[in-house]
Protein backbone atom coordinates (compact mmCIF):
# COMPACT_ATOMS: atom_id res chain seq x y z
CA MET A 1 11.07 14.14 -15.63
CA ALA A 2 7.80 12.41 -16.52
CA VAL A 3 7.91 9.48 -18.91
CA GLU A 4 5.11 9.27 -21.44
CA VAL A 5 3.56 5.81 -21.46
CA ASP A 6 1.51 4.65 -24.42
CA ILE A 7 -0.89 2.46 -22.46
CA ASP A 8 -4.60 2.51 -21.73
CA VAL A 9 -4.54 3.49 -18.05
CA GLU A 10 -8.15 2.40 -17.44
CA VAL A 11 -7.41 -1.07 -18.82
CA LEU A 12 -4.28 -1.19 -16.66
CA LYS A 13 -6.26 -0.25 -13.52
CA CYS A 14 -8.85 -2.91 -14.33
CA GLU A 15 -6.13 -5.58 -14.66
CA ILE A 16 -4.44 -4.46 -11.43
CA LYS A 17 -7.78 -4.69 -9.60
CA LYS A 18 -8.32 -8.20 -10.99
CA THR A 19 -4.87 -9.34 -9.87
CA TYR A 20 -5.21 -8.00 -6.34
CA ALA A 21 -8.81 -9.17 -6.02
CA ARG A 22 -7.37 -12.67 -6.62
CA VAL A 23 -4.70 -12.08 -3.96
CA SER A 24 -7.53 -11.14 -1.58
CA GLN A 25 -9.93 -13.95 -2.46
CA GLU A 26 -7.47 -16.76 -3.21
CA PRO A 27 -4.42 -16.06 -1.02
CA GLU A 28 -3.26 -19.68 -1.22
CA GLU A 29 -2.76 -19.37 -4.99
CA ASP A 30 0.81 -19.17 -6.32
CA PHE A 31 1.48 -15.67 -7.65
CA ILE A 32 4.61 -14.51 -9.41
CA PHE A 33 5.32 -12.33 -6.37
CA PRO A 34 5.60 -13.51 -2.75
CA THR A 35 2.64 -13.14 -0.40
CA GLY A 36 1.56 -14.03 3.13
CA ARG A 37 2.63 -13.91 6.77
CA ALA A 38 5.95 -15.72 6.25
CA TRP A 39 6.89 -13.10 3.66
CA VAL A 40 6.05 -10.29 6.11
CA LEU A 41 8.42 -11.84 8.66
CA ASP A 42 11.12 -12.45 6.02
CA LEU A 43 11.03 -8.70 5.29
CA GLY A 44 11.97 -7.93 8.88
CA TYR A 45 8.72 -6.59 10.31
CA PRO A 46 8.64 -6.61 14.14
CA PRO A 47 7.45 -10.16 14.98
CA GLU A 48 5.52 -9.01 18.06
CA LEU A 49 3.40 -6.70 15.84
CA VAL A 50 2.99 -9.30 13.08
CA ASP A 51 1.84 -11.89 15.65
CA ARG A 52 -1.16 -9.68 16.47
CA LEU A 53 -2.32 -9.43 12.84
CA PRO A 54 -5.47 -11.37 11.94
CA GLU A 55 -4.88 -14.04 9.31
CA ALA A 56 -7.21 -12.16 6.94
CA ALA A 57 -4.67 -9.32 6.71
CA ALA A 58 -1.49 -11.37 6.76
CA GLU A 59 -2.45 -14.04 4.22
CA SER A 60 -3.07 -11.47 1.46
CA PHE A 61 0.00 -9.33 2.12
CA ALA A 62 1.69 -8.57 -1.22
CA GLY A 63 4.23 -5.89 -0.31
CA VAL A 64 7.77 -5.79 -1.68
CA ALA A 65 9.77 -4.60 1.35
CA ASN A 66 9.40 -3.10 4.83
CA PRO A 67 8.57 0.64 4.96
CA PHE A 68 9.09 0.60 8.74
CA ALA A 69 12.78 -0.22 8.18
CA LEU A 70 13.04 3.52 7.43
CA GLY A 71 11.91 4.32 10.97
CA THR A 72 9.35 3.38 13.59
CA LEU A 73 6.22 5.50 13.61
CA GLN A 74 5.67 7.64 16.69
CA ARG A 75 2.72 7.50 19.04
CA GLY A 76 0.05 10.02 18.13
CA GLU A 77 1.03 10.41 14.47
CA ALA A 78 -1.53 10.56 11.68
CA VAL A 79 -0.53 8.10 8.94
CA LEU A 80 -1.73 7.52 5.37
CA ASP A 81 -1.06 4.11 3.80
CA VAL A 82 -1.26 4.51 0.00
CA GLY A 83 -2.29 1.20 -1.56
CA SER A 84 -3.15 -0.46 1.74
CA GLY A 85 -4.31 -3.78 0.26
CA ALA A 86 -5.52 -6.23 2.90
CA GLY A 87 -4.39 -3.86 5.64
CA THR A 88 -1.15 -5.44 6.84
CA ASP A 89 0.94 -2.25 6.88
CA SER A 90 -1.99 -0.16 8.16
CA LEU A 91 -2.54 -2.52 11.09
CA VAL A 92 1.16 -2.60 11.94
CA ALA A 93 1.16 1.22 11.78
CA ALA A 94 -1.95 1.39 13.97
CA GLN A 95 -0.10 -0.53 16.69
CA MET A 96 2.89 1.83 16.44
CA VAL A 97 0.92 5.10 16.64
CA GLY A 98 -1.35 3.87 19.45
CA ALA A 99 -4.85 4.95 20.35
CA GLU A 100 -3.87 8.63 20.23
CA GLY A 101 -2.73 8.26 16.61
CA SER A 102 -4.64 7.38 13.46
CA VAL A 103 -4.08 5.42 10.28
CA THR A 104 -5.98 5.77 7.02
CA GLY A 105 -5.53 3.03 4.44
CA LEU A 106 -6.37 3.93 0.83
CA ASP A 107 -6.91 1.31 -1.86
CA MET A 108 -8.75 1.05 -5.18
CA THR A 109 -9.62 -2.66 -4.94
CA PRO A 110 -12.99 -3.27 -3.23
CA GLU A 111 -12.12 -6.87 -2.32
CA MET A 112 -8.96 -5.77 -0.53
CA LEU A 113 -10.84 -3.01 1.28
CA ARG A 114 -13.44 -5.50 2.55
CA LYS A 115 -10.69 -7.78 3.80
CA ALA A 116 -8.82 -4.92 5.48
CA ARG A 117 -11.96 -3.65 7.23
CA ALA A 118 -12.77 -7.16 8.47
CA ALA A 119 -9.21 -7.58 9.76
CA ALA A 120 -9.35 -4.22 11.58
CA ALA A 121 -12.66 -5.20 13.18
CA GLU A 122 -11.26 -8.58 14.25
CA MET A 123 -8.25 -6.84 15.76
CA GLU A 124 -10.51 -4.21 17.38
CA ALA A 125 -8.30 -1.50 15.89
CA THR A 126 -10.43 1.61 16.32
CA ASN A 127 -7.67 4.00 15.19
CA VAL A 128 -7.63 2.78 11.58
CA ALA A 129 -10.03 3.39 8.68
CA PHE A 130 -9.98 2.22 5.08
CA VAL A 131 -11.05 4.44 2.18
CA GLU A 132 -11.58 3.64 -1.51
CA GLY A 133 -9.58 5.88 -3.81
CA GLU A 134 -6.59 6.29 -6.09
CA ALA A 135 -3.10 7.56 -5.37
CA GLU A 136 -3.16 10.06 -8.26
CA SER A 137 -6.06 11.99 -6.66
CA LEU A 138 -6.04 11.48 -2.90
CA PRO A 139 -9.46 12.24 -1.35
CA PHE A 140 -8.00 14.14 1.62
CA GLU A 141 -7.49 17.74 2.69
CA ASP A 142 -4.11 19.44 2.35
CA GLU A 143 -1.67 18.84 5.21
CA SER A 144 -3.69 16.01 6.76
CA PHE A 145 -0.93 13.50 7.64
CA ASP A 146 2.37 13.35 9.51
CA VAL A 147 3.58 10.30 7.59
CA VAL A 148 2.74 8.66 4.26
CA ILE A 149 3.69 5.01 3.84
CA SER A 150 3.34 2.84 0.76
CA ASN A 151 4.48 -0.66 -0.13
CA GLY A 152 4.80 -1.98 -3.67
CA VAL A 153 2.11 0.26 -5.17
CA ILE A 154 3.66 3.31 -6.80
CA ASP A 155 5.53 1.13 -9.30
CA LEU A 156 2.10 0.03 -10.64
CA ILE A 157 1.05 3.61 -11.47
CA PRO A 158 2.16 5.23 -14.74
CA ASP A 159 1.75 8.85 -13.55
CA LYS A 160 4.24 8.89 -10.70
CA ASP A 161 4.50 12.69 -10.81
CA ALA A 162 0.79 12.93 -9.89
CA VAL A 163 1.26 10.45 -7.03
CA PHE A 164 4.19 12.31 -5.49
CA SER A 165 2.48 15.66 -5.98
CA GLU A 166 -0.56 14.36 -4.09
CA ILE A 167 1.59 12.87 -1.33
CA GLN A 168 3.36 16.20 -0.91
CA ARG A 169 0.00 18.00 -0.80
CA VAL A 170 -1.46 15.87 2.00
CA LEU A 171 1.70 15.85 4.15
CA ARG A 172 1.98 18.35 6.97
CA PRO A 173 5.05 20.60 7.06
CA GLY A 174 7.93 18.50 8.34
CA GLY A 175 6.07 15.28 7.47
CA ARG A 176 7.85 12.29 6.02
CA ILE A 177 7.45 9.57 3.41
CA GLN A 178 8.35 5.91 4.05
CA ILE A 179 8.06 4.01 0.79
CA ALA A 180 9.02 0.44 -0.03
CA ASP A 181 8.85 -0.21 -3.76
CA VAL A 182 10.39 -1.73 -6.85
CA THR A 183 12.85 0.23 -8.95
CA ILE A 184 14.62 -0.58 -12.18
CA GLN A 185 18.21 0.15 -13.11
CA ASN A 186 17.87 0.21 -16.89
CA PRO A 187 15.30 1.89 -19.15
CA VAL A 188 12.31 -0.21 -20.18
CA SER A 189 11.71 -0.43 -23.91
CA GLU A 190 8.73 1.29 -25.51
CA GLU A 191 7.26 -2.17 -26.24
CA GLY A 192 7.80 -3.27 -22.64
CA ARG A 193 6.01 -0.18 -21.28
CA ARG A 194 2.95 -1.12 -23.35
CA LYS A 195 2.69 -4.66 -21.90
CA ILE A 196 0.05 -4.67 -19.18
CA ASP A 197 1.30 -8.00 -17.82
CA LEU A 198 4.62 -6.36 -16.93
CA TRP A 199 2.80 -3.60 -15.02
CA THR A 200 0.52 -5.89 -13.03
CA GLY A 201 3.29 -8.16 -11.72
């Protein structure tokens, strides 16, 4: 059941972009959420894959958990990373699927996209591409991907029904979703849902 949120979604998106632009441009800053390579390792990512990540990708990692704990990706799979940020999860996925597979990272923050593209180039990862876009209207054909991953992004989006509808649309029959995200156990008050600071982390 969809929850109506009395919030200006465009203002929210603008604030989210500002926050994650800062994570991209000033990764050494203290945020209210953990970031960086040490956090990636704390979450249980395969160390041998993390070791190969350029610092540009790892230092601006801002995920909340490990989507690969739900299963290793298979060689040759086509993967979509929704909210790819600086490219950490996309570049880990690219190593898992190999040269015969492909990974597409989607993000709405230009600064993160620049950082992710630079990291992919440094890593010489030719099986990964980064695209600007939003999760509520994925710019891809139906049934384009075997797997959709996402890490700490869907919780930032008010219209979760649209996100999951789009994910279902772009997944191939038999495809799977591997999402790491934040959930809450108790309802958030009407006032709380209107506070942009609570949405942006």
